[in-house]
């Protein structure tokens, strides 16, 4: 039952227990999803929310829904078409995580292939024969990521969040996020959310469109990512 919503409640309880009454949050991927629940349920505790995977659906307001730039429409269409061939992992992790886990925990080569394939597909680089991960990550960085899962035997538990997210009922449906929010938009992120949609869902204070970078932005472009965090949170001092 450890859905993103429940994880958000656990993190809020942890921060309270260790004495933090106010704090800032930032994240991408599942961190962005969990942070959205954290911000919605505990807005008084948060200084601000920064996301490098901005999530928001089409607004109910027709004008806001229509206020999407041509560049955003083009990017959404391109990423949507690309992701049609990138979602198979979601299906198996969301339905049979234990079955998958036995195979990945039994083979370091299988585990490495499962993880590195996503770095190859979601990094801002040419795909196919012209794309080389060595130009974006060191082997030590990739092997460290793999080793964390291998030596702790936690690839199965890490994939179960996909299962729990789809199978666990939501306790409190998300509404407008009343926490100052900043977004870093990297061109090779797997989701493209128009700014107008984000403004309808969050108290949006900061929006940076990056010239390069992908889904693993903090590792791929750490200087760009860190600089954007600093710019946003300085606004909230």
Foldseek 3Di string as FASTA:
>chain_A
DPELLNVLVVVVVVCVVVPQQAEEAEDEDSSLVSVLNNLQVPVVRYLFYEYQHDDFDQDPDPVLNPPFDPVLVVLQVVLVVLCVVVCPLLVCLQPPLPVVLVVLQVDLVVLLCVPVVCVQQWKFADHDPRDDCVVFAPPVVSVVVSVVCRVVVCPSVVSNNSNCNVPPDDPDDAAAREGEYEYEYASRESHRDGPSRSVRRYNYDYYHYDPGTGRPRCRRPVVVVVVRVVVRSVVSD
